[in-house]
Amino acid sequence: MKNYLLLFGILSILSSCGKTEKETAFVNSQNPDLITQQNAESNVVEKKDVEKLIFKNNDEFEESKELDLNLLSKVAASLAIQYSDIKISETSFISYNDEIAFFVITHLVKTDEPEKGNAEEDDLGDYFERKYLFANKADGKIIAQQADFNLSYNENEGMHFSKSYILKNLIQLNENTTGVAFYTEEASGSRVSLYSQQKFTILALVNHKIKKLLYEYPIRKTQGDSNGRSSFELETLETGMILSDTKTNGFLDLIVSKNFSYEVAVEADEETGSAEKSSIKVKKESERIKYNGQAYAFKKDDRYRFLDYN
């Protein structure tokens, strides 16, 4: 059902945004393998697949499973951090080309011990920094690096961050720019206040510097409330993303299908004799994200389509 709704959403996008023959063929085929064949002409990065389908939906990401631990140890030495301070379970890797690798690393940052007498509940715990970097495969020397403080965290804080998952296929945005994409989920640990969000980022190495092409675009979001058992009210945004054949300022547009769903469930009440109830509503939208000369620009949209939180 979820896949059907997202594919329907993509069809709506192409109708509203001006379809091309290739985009229509992409939707009708429902076969991502065909898209890979259409984009084999890239000569910027060798031996890595690039394709028009970025991700079909939030349940079907194709993530990089690689992790070169030997190279990671060299990178740690170049960063002057202890290899043992790297959180391997939250570190991702992909081969960017024959000579360069890309990492998203999570590592412990040593801080001063908290003062004695602080209440235990005020202890935020160890601080972990999330950073992305490009490094030479041969010796682990850093070409470019950048810390992301939005993804760095204290281990005991209320909001929890997942590993940053790198997509296994690079994204050819024009003849000279190849992007690497990853997403990260943040979520509250509460069983009553239901919140989580996946944010999507595309970076590239341009003139030995990291260029943020798309930064923290929300691709999935849940918001709602629960009684901690089986009664809840929840709105969910799920998306799919492909590359258009149309360019703006020299970069291919990004087409996003959006599926908003709203579910309410009320548990059975033995005292009143009322039965369990549930209902679902769905709303579909689309968005075309264009390159403005510096980055892919999008308007922040915090509106809820069903919840009365606005």
Protein backbone atom coordinates (compact mmCIF):
# COMPACT_ATOMS: atom_id res chain seq x y z
CA MET A 1 0.00 0.00 0.00
CA LYS A 2 2.82 2.36 0.98
CA ASN A 3 4.72 1.74 -2.29
CA TYR A 4 1.54 2.25 -4.33
CA LEU A 5 0.86 5.61 -2.72
CA LEU A 6 4.41 6.85 -3.28
CA LEU A 7 4.43 5.73 -6.91
CA PHE A 8 1.09 7.46 -7.39
CA GLY A 9 2.65 10.55 -5.86
CA ILE A 10 5.53 10.47 -8.33
CA LEU A 11 3.04 10.23 -11.19
CA SER A 12 1.32 13.35 -9.85
CA ILE A 13 4.66 15.16 -9.69
CA LEU A 14 5.52 14.49 -13.28
CA SER A 15 2.12 15.72 -14.40
CA SER A 16 2.39 18.97 -12.46
CA CYS A 17 6.07 19.71 -13.00
CA GLY A 18 6.25 19.11 -16.75
CA LYS A 19 7.16 15.57 -17.66
CA THR A 20 9.76 14.46 -20.12
CA GLU A 21 9.77 11.17 -21.96
CA LYS A 22 12.52 9.81 -19.74
CA GLU A 23 10.72 10.78 -16.56
CA THR A 24 7.51 9.14 -17.78
CA ALA A 25 9.40 6.01 -18.75
CA PHE A 26 10.95 5.94 -15.28
CA VAL A 27 7.58 5.94 -13.58
CA ASN A 28 5.90 3.49 -15.95
CA SER A 29 8.74 1.01 -15.83
CA GLN A 30 8.85 0.95 -11.98
CA ASN A 31 12.26 -0.58 -12.56
CA PRO A 32 15.24 1.29 -11.06
CA ASP A 33 17.69 -0.89 -12.98
CA LEU A 34 16.69 0.84 -16.22
CA ILE A 35 17.64 4.20 -14.80
CA THR A 36 21.15 3.01 -14.02
CA GLN A 37 21.60 2.06 -17.68
CA GLN A 38 20.45 5.51 -18.83
CA ASN A 39 23.14 7.23 -16.77
CA ALA A 40 26.21 5.13 -17.47
CA GLU A 41 27.80 7.97 -19.40
CA SER A 42 29.34 9.67 -16.31
CA ASN A 43 33.09 10.21 -16.69
CA VAL A 44 33.65 12.13 -13.46
CA VAL A 45 33.77 9.20 -11.05
CA GLU A 46 34.73 5.79 -12.33
CA LYS A 47 33.48 2.40 -11.19
CA LYS A 48 30.57 3.79 -9.18
CA ASP A 49 26.96 3.54 -10.32
CA VAL A 50 25.00 6.74 -10.73
CA GLU A 51 21.30 6.73 -11.52
CA LYS A 52 18.20 8.89 -11.82
CA LEU A 53 16.37 7.14 -8.99
CA ILE A 54 17.74 8.53 -5.72
CA PHE A 55 15.37 6.57 -3.50
CA LYS A 56 12.00 5.02 -4.19
CA ASN A 57 10.56 5.45 -0.72
CA ASN A 58 11.66 5.49 2.91
CA ASP A 59 11.55 1.71 3.18
CA GLU A 60 13.79 1.02 0.19
CA PHE A 61 17.05 2.89 0.67
CA GLU A 62 20.07 1.21 -0.88
CA GLU A 63 22.84 2.02 1.57
CA SER A 64 26.59 1.56 1.35
CA LYS A 65 27.64 -1.49 3.35
CA GLU A 66 31.35 -0.82 2.91
CA LEU A 67 33.67 0.20 5.74
CA ASP A 68 37.44 0.17 5.22
CA LEU A 69 38.73 -0.15 8.78
CA ASN A 70 42.37 -0.05 7.71
CA LEU A 71 41.84 3.27 5.93
CA LEU A 72 39.76 4.51 8.86
CA SER A 73 42.71 3.96 11.20
CA LYS A 74 44.89 6.07 8.88
CA VAL A 75 42.21 8.75 8.79
CA ALA A 76 42.08 8.78 12.60
CA ALA A 77 45.84 9.41 12.68
CA SER A 78 45.43 12.27 10.19
CA LEU A 79 42.69 13.75 12.38
CA ALA A 80 44.87 13.34 15.48
CA ILE A 81 42.15 11.41 17.29
CA GLN A 82 42.34 8.01 18.94
CA TYR A 83 41.00 5.19 16.80
CA SER A 84 39.35 3.80 19.95
CA ASP A 85 37.38 7.06 20.27
CA ILE A 86 35.63 6.46 16.94
CA LYS A 87 32.13 5.01 17.28
CA ILE A 88 32.35 2.36 14.56
CA SER A 89 28.62 1.58 14.75
CA GLU A 90 27.89 5.21 13.76
CA THR A 91 30.55 5.59 11.07
CA SER A 92 29.83 5.24 7.33
CA PHE A 93 32.05 4.98 4.25
CA ILE A 94 31.87 4.99 0.47
CA SER A 95 34.43 4.97 -2.32
CA TYR A 96 34.07 8.35 -4.07
CA ASN A 97 36.40 7.45 -6.92
CA ASP A 98 39.58 5.43 -7.51
CA GLU A 99 41.68 7.71 -5.32
CA ILE A 100 39.29 9.28 -2.81
CA ALA A 101 37.03 7.92 -0.06
CA PHE A 102 34.22 9.63 1.82
CA PHE A 103 33.48 9.06 5.51
CA VAL A 104 30.86 10.22 7.99
CA ILE A 105 32.59 9.70 11.33
CA THR A 106 31.22 9.85 14.86
CA HIS A 107 33.89 10.18 17.53
CA LEU A 108 34.20 10.94 21.22
CA VAL A 109 35.37 14.42 22.14
CA LYS A 110 37.28 14.51 25.40
CA THR A 111 35.88 17.13 27.78
CA ASP A 112 36.65 18.17 31.33
CA GLU A 113 35.12 16.06 34.08
CA PRO A 114 31.87 17.52 35.49
CA GLU A 115 32.17 19.32 38.80
CA LYS A 116 31.41 17.29 41.89
CA GLY A 117 28.01 17.92 43.41
CA ASN A 118 26.17 18.19 40.07
CA ALA A 119 22.89 16.33 40.13
CA GLU A 120 23.10 13.02 38.32
CA GLU A 121 20.10 13.88 36.17
CA ASP A 122 21.98 16.95 34.86
CA ASP A 123 24.81 14.81 33.49
CA LEU A 124 24.50 14.86 29.71
CA GLY A 125 27.17 12.21 29.33
CA ASP A 126 29.93 11.99 26.76
CA TYR A 127 29.90 14.33 23.75
CA PHE A 128 30.14 12.77 20.29
CA GLU A 129 31.02 14.85 17.26
CA ARG A 130 29.73 13.95 13.80
CA LYS A 131 31.91 15.03 10.87
CA TYR A 132 32.16 14.26 7.18
CA LEU A 133 35.38 14.15 5.24
CA PHE A 134 37.07 13.20 2.00
CA ALA A 135 40.41 11.39 2.31
CA ASN A 136 43.10 9.92 0.07
CA LYS A 137 42.77 6.15 -0.10
CA ALA A 138 46.51 5.64 -0.29
CA ASP A 139 47.55 7.25 2.98
CA GLY A 140 44.43 8.50 4.75
CA LYS A 141 45.42 12.17 4.42
CA ILE A 142 42.46 14.51 4.74
CA ILE A 143 41.47 16.43 1.61
CA ALA A 144 38.52 18.26 3.21
CA GLN A 145 36.57 17.88 6.43
CA GLN A 146 33.67 19.54 8.19
CA ALA A 147 32.06 18.99 11.58
CA ASP A 148 28.27 18.99 11.67
CA PHE A 149 27.10 20.31 15.01
CA ASN A 150 23.47 19.63 14.12
CA LEU A 151 24.31 15.91 14.19
CA SER A 152 26.70 15.99 17.15
CA TYR A 153 25.20 15.08 20.50
CA ASN A 154 25.56 14.22 24.17
CA GLU A 155 24.73 10.60 24.84
CA ASN A 156 22.17 11.35 27.59
CA GLU A 157 20.25 14.15 25.88
CA GLY A 158 16.56 13.79 25.07
CA MET A 159 16.92 13.68 21.29
CA HIS A 160 18.61 10.61 19.81
CA PHE A 161 20.50 10.53 16.50
CA SER A 162 21.00 7.52 14.29
CA LYS A 163 24.05 6.67 12.26
CA SER A 164 24.28 8.72 9.05
CA TYR A 165 23.52 6.20 6.31
CA ILE A 166 25.30 6.82 3.00
CA LEU A 167 23.45 5.81 -0.17
CA LYS A 168 25.46 3.29 -2.16
CA ASN A 169 24.96 5.07 -5.50
CA LEU A 170 26.53 8.43 -6.22
CA ILE A 171 24.37 11.14 -7.78
CA GLN A 172 25.44 12.76 -11.05
CA LEU A 173 24.03 16.29 -10.83
CA ASN A 174 25.75 17.58 -13.96
CA GLU A 175 28.71 16.67 -16.17
CA ASN A 176 31.24 17.82 -13.57
CA THR A 177 29.55 17.37 -10.20
CA THR A 178 29.06 14.04 -8.47
CA GLY A 179 27.26 14.07 -5.16
CA VAL A 180 27.34 11.67 -2.24
CA ALA A 181 24.10 11.45 -0.28
CA PHE A 182 23.27 10.37 3.26
CA TYR A 183 20.39 10.59 5.68
CA THR A 184 20.19 10.72 9.47
CA GLU A 185 17.23 10.15 11.77
CA GLU A 186 16.55 12.06 14.95
CA ALA A 187 13.92 10.85 17.37
CA SER A 188 12.60 11.51 20.84
CA GLY A 189 12.78 8.69 23.33
CA SER A 190 9.24 9.32 24.56
CA ARG A 191 6.42 6.78 24.23
CA VAL A 192 3.86 9.55 24.72
CA SER A 193 5.11 12.38 22.51
CA LEU A 194 5.78 10.69 19.17
CA TYR A 195 8.40 12.44 17.06
CA SER A 196 11.03 11.40 14.55
CA GLN A 197 12.52 12.95 11.42
CA GLN A 198 14.88 11.81 8.68
CA LYS A 199 16.99 14.53 7.06
CA PHE A 200 18.72 14.14 3.71
CA THR A 201 22.00 15.75 2.64
CA ILE A 202 23.97 15.76 -0.63
CA LEU A 203 27.64 16.81 -0.60
CA ALA A 204 30.32 17.01 -3.27
CA LEU A 205 34.06 17.58 -3.38
CA VAL A 206 34.64 20.73 -5.42
CA ASN A 207 38.13 22.24 -5.75
CA HIS A 208 39.28 20.27 -2.69
CA LYS A 209 36.47 21.71 -0.57
CA ILE A 210 33.21 20.22 0.71
CA LYS A 211 30.21 21.77 -1.01
CA LYS A 212 26.78 21.36 0.58
CA LEU A 213 24.46 20.96 -2.37
CA LEU A 214 21.37 19.93 -0.38
CA TYR A 215 21.41 20.17 3.40
CA GLU A 216 19.01 18.48 5.81
CA TYR A 217 16.01 18.21 3.53
CA PRO A 218 13.23 16.46 5.51
CA ILE A 219 12.39 13.18 3.77
CA ARG A 220 10.42 11.53 6.55
CA LYS A 221 8.64 12.89 9.61
CA THR A 222 6.32 11.53 12.25
CA GLN A 223 4.51 13.61 14.84
CA GLY A 224 1.74 12.75 17.25
CA ASP A 225 0.69 11.62 20.69
CA SER A 226 0.04 8.30 22.37
CA ASN A 227 -1.28 7.10 25.70
CA GLY A 228 1.65 4.70 25.85
CA ARG A 229 -0.53 1.73 24.91
CA SER A 230 -2.64 1.30 21.78
CA SER A 231 -4.36 4.68 21.46
CA PHE A 232 -2.56 7.26 19.37
CA GLU A 233 -2.86 10.10 16.86
CA LEU A 234 -0.07 10.24 14.29
CA GLU A 235 0.77 12.17 11.13
CA THR A 236 3.53 10.81 8.90
CA LEU A 237 5.34 12.28 5.90
CA GLU A 238 7.08 9.86 3.55
CA THR A 239 8.84 10.71 0.32
CA GLY A 240 10.52 9.45 -2.83
CA MET A 241 13.12 11.32 -4.90
CA ILE A 242 14.38 11.20 -8.48
CA LEU A 243 16.52 13.38 -10.75
CA SER A 244 14.69 15.31 -13.45
CA ASP A 245 15.99 15.71 -17.00
CA THR A 246 15.55 19.47 -16.58
CA LYS A 247 18.44 21.64 -15.39
CA THR A 248 18.38 24.91 -13.48
CA ASN A 249 21.63 26.90 -13.34
CA GLY A 250 23.47 23.90 -14.74
CA PHE A 251 22.23 21.31 -12.19
CA LEU A 252 19.50 18.71 -12.64
CA ASP A 253 16.33 19.45 -10.67
CA LEU A 254 15.29 17.12 -7.86
CA ILE A 255 11.71 15.83 -7.94
CA VAL A 256 10.17 14.81 -4.62
CA SER A 257 6.92 12.93 -4.13
CA LYS A 258 5.30 13.51 -0.74
CA ASN A 259 2.78 11.27 0.94
CA PHE A 260 1.12 12.55 4.12
CA SER A 261 -0.83 10.01 6.12
CA TYR A 262 -2.86 10.52 9.27
CA GLU A 263 -3.88 7.68 11.55
CA VAL A 264 -6.01 7.71 14.67
CA ALA A 265 -6.49 4.64 16.83
CA VAL A 266 -8.58 4.33 19.97
CA GLU A 267 -8.25 1.23 22.10
CA ALA A 268 -11.27 -0.75 23.28
CA ASP A 269 -12.81 0.29 26.57
CA GLU A 270 -14.19 -2.59 28.65
CA GLU A 271 -16.02 -0.25 31.02
CA THR A 272 -18.05 1.45 28.31
CA GLY A 273 -18.09 -1.54 25.99
CA SER A 274 -16.71 0.49 23.07
CA ALA A 275 -14.74 -1.42 20.47
CA GLU A 276 -11.30 -0.56 19.14
CA LYS A 277 -11.45 2.04 16.35
CA SER A 278 -8.99 3.31 13.76
CA SER A 279 -9.04 5.54 10.69
CA ILE A 280 -6.53 6.69 8.07
CA LYS A 281 -6.43 9.74 5.82
CA VAL A 282 -3.96 10.40 3.00
CA LYS A 283 -2.84 13.54 1.14
CA LYS A 284 -0.34 13.62 -1.74
CA GLU A 285 1.85 16.53 -2.79
CA SER A 286 4.99 17.12 -4.84
CA GLU A 287 7.94 19.46 -4.98
CA ARG A 288 10.60 20.33 -7.54
CA ILE A 289 13.84 21.50 -5.90
CA LYS A 290 16.05 23.70 -8.06
CA TYR A 291 19.68 24.74 -7.81
CA ASN A 292 19.91 28.49 -7.17
CA GLY A 293 23.57 28.91 -8.13
CA GLN A 294 24.87 28.03 -4.67
CA ALA A 295 22.79 25.08 -3.46
CA TYR A 296 19.46 23.32 -3.87
CA ALA A 297 17.07 25.76 -2.22
CA PHE A 298 13.85 24.74 -0.50
CA LYS A 299 11.43 26.46 1.82
CA LYS A 300 11.14 25.07 5.31
CA ASP A 301 7.68 23.61 5.68
CA ASP A 302 6.57 22.86 9.25
CA ARG A 303 2.87 22.78 8.43
CA TYR A 304 0.85 19.75 9.42
CA ARG A 305 -1.74 18.55 6.93
CA PHE A 306 -4.01 16.86 9.48
CA LEU A 307 -2.82 17.47 13.05
CA ASP A 308 -4.15 20.59 14.73
CA TYR A 309 -0.67 21.72 15.78
CA ASN A 310 -0.26 24.70 13.41
